[in-house]
Amino acid sequence: MEGKKSKEAEQIKTPYFKPTATKLTDEQAKLKLLGHATMGDQGAKELLEMMFPEVPQKDSKGKKQSA
C-alpha cells in the first residue's frame, strides 16, 4: 500500500492552459530564423537566401587560410 500512495502523490495533475499564439516582431522573426540557420537547418538557410538575396554568403571553402 505504501508504494501505491507515493506513486499517486508524484502524479499530481497540473491545470490545463489553453495554447496561445504570439505574434513576433519582424526583428524577432529574423533573429529566430538566423538562429535556426546557424544551427544547420537547411530550410532556414534557403529561406534566408530567398528573403535576402543581396547579402553575400560566407563561403569558408573558397577562402585561402593564412599561416
Protein backbone atom coordinates (compact mmCIF):
# COMPACT_ATOMS: atom_id res chain seq x y z
CA MET A 1 0.00 0.00 0.00
CA GLU A 2 2.79 2.42 0.81
CA GLY A 3 4.32 2.19 -2.70
CA LYS A 4 0.99 2.89 -4.40
CA LYS A 5 0.36 6.09 -2.40
CA SER A 6 3.78 7.52 -3.23
CA LYS A 7 3.22 6.96 -6.96
CA GLU A 8 -0.13 8.75 -6.79
CA ALA A 9 1.44 11.66 -4.93
CA GLU A 10 4.08 12.05 -7.65
CA GLN A 11 1.46 12.22 -10.41
CA ILE A 12 -0.28 15.42 -9.37
CA LYS A 13 -2.28 16.84 -12.26
CA THR A 14 -1.35 20.32 -13.40
CA PRO A 15 -4.06 22.73 -14.54
CA TYR A 16 -4.76 22.98 -18.27
CA PHE A 17 -3.68 26.16 -20.01
CA LYS A 18 -5.19 26.95 -23.40
CA PRO A 19 -2.48 27.23 -26.10
CA THR A 20 -1.89 30.78 -27.22
CA ALA A 21 -0.26 32.12 -30.34
CA THR A 22 2.13 35.01 -30.05
CA LYS A 23 2.97 37.36 -32.87
CA LEU A 24 6.67 38.02 -33.36
CA THR A 25 8.01 41.36 -34.45
CA ASP A 26 9.96 41.46 -37.72
CA GLU A 27 13.23 41.69 -35.80
CA GLN A 28 12.35 38.75 -33.53
CA ALA A 29 11.40 36.63 -36.55
CA LYS A 30 14.70 37.42 -38.29
CA LEU A 31 16.70 36.55 -35.17
CA LYS A 32 14.82 33.28 -34.74
CA LEU A 33 15.40 32.39 -38.40
CA LEU A 34 19.10 33.26 -38.12
CA GLY A 35 19.36 31.08 -35.03
CA HIS A 36 17.94 28.10 -36.89
CA ALA A 37 20.16 28.74 -39.90
CA THR A 38 23.32 28.92 -37.80
CA MET A 39 22.40 25.63 -36.12
CA GLY A 40 22.44 23.92 -39.51
CA ASP A 41 18.77 23.96 -40.52
CA GLN A 42 18.95 23.77 -44.32
CA GLY A 43 15.37 25.01 -44.77
CA ALA A 44 16.12 28.11 -42.71
CA LYS A 45 19.24 28.77 -44.79
CA GLU A 46 17.26 28.51 -48.03
CA LEU A 47 14.57 30.85 -46.68
CA LEU A 48 17.23 33.41 -45.72
CA GLU A 49 18.68 33.23 -49.22
CA MET A 50 15.24 33.85 -50.72
CA MET A 51 14.47 36.73 -48.35
CA PHE A 52 17.85 38.44 -48.62
CA PRO A 53 19.42 37.54 -51.99
CA GLU A 54 21.65 40.64 -51.99
CA VAL A 55 23.56 39.59 -48.86
CA PRO A 56 26.76 37.77 -49.87
CA GLN A 57 27.01 34.31 -48.35
CA LYS A 58 30.13 33.38 -46.42
CA ASP A 59 31.98 30.56 -48.15
CA SER A 60 34.71 29.10 -45.97
CA LYS A 61 35.77 26.64 -48.71
CA GLY A 62 36.72 29.35 -51.22
CA LYS A 63 38.88 31.42 -48.89
CA LYS A 64 42.58 30.87 -48.53
CA GLN A 65 43.81 30.35 -45.00
CA SER A 66 46.81 32.38 -43.93
CA ALA A 67 49.58 30.72 -41.98
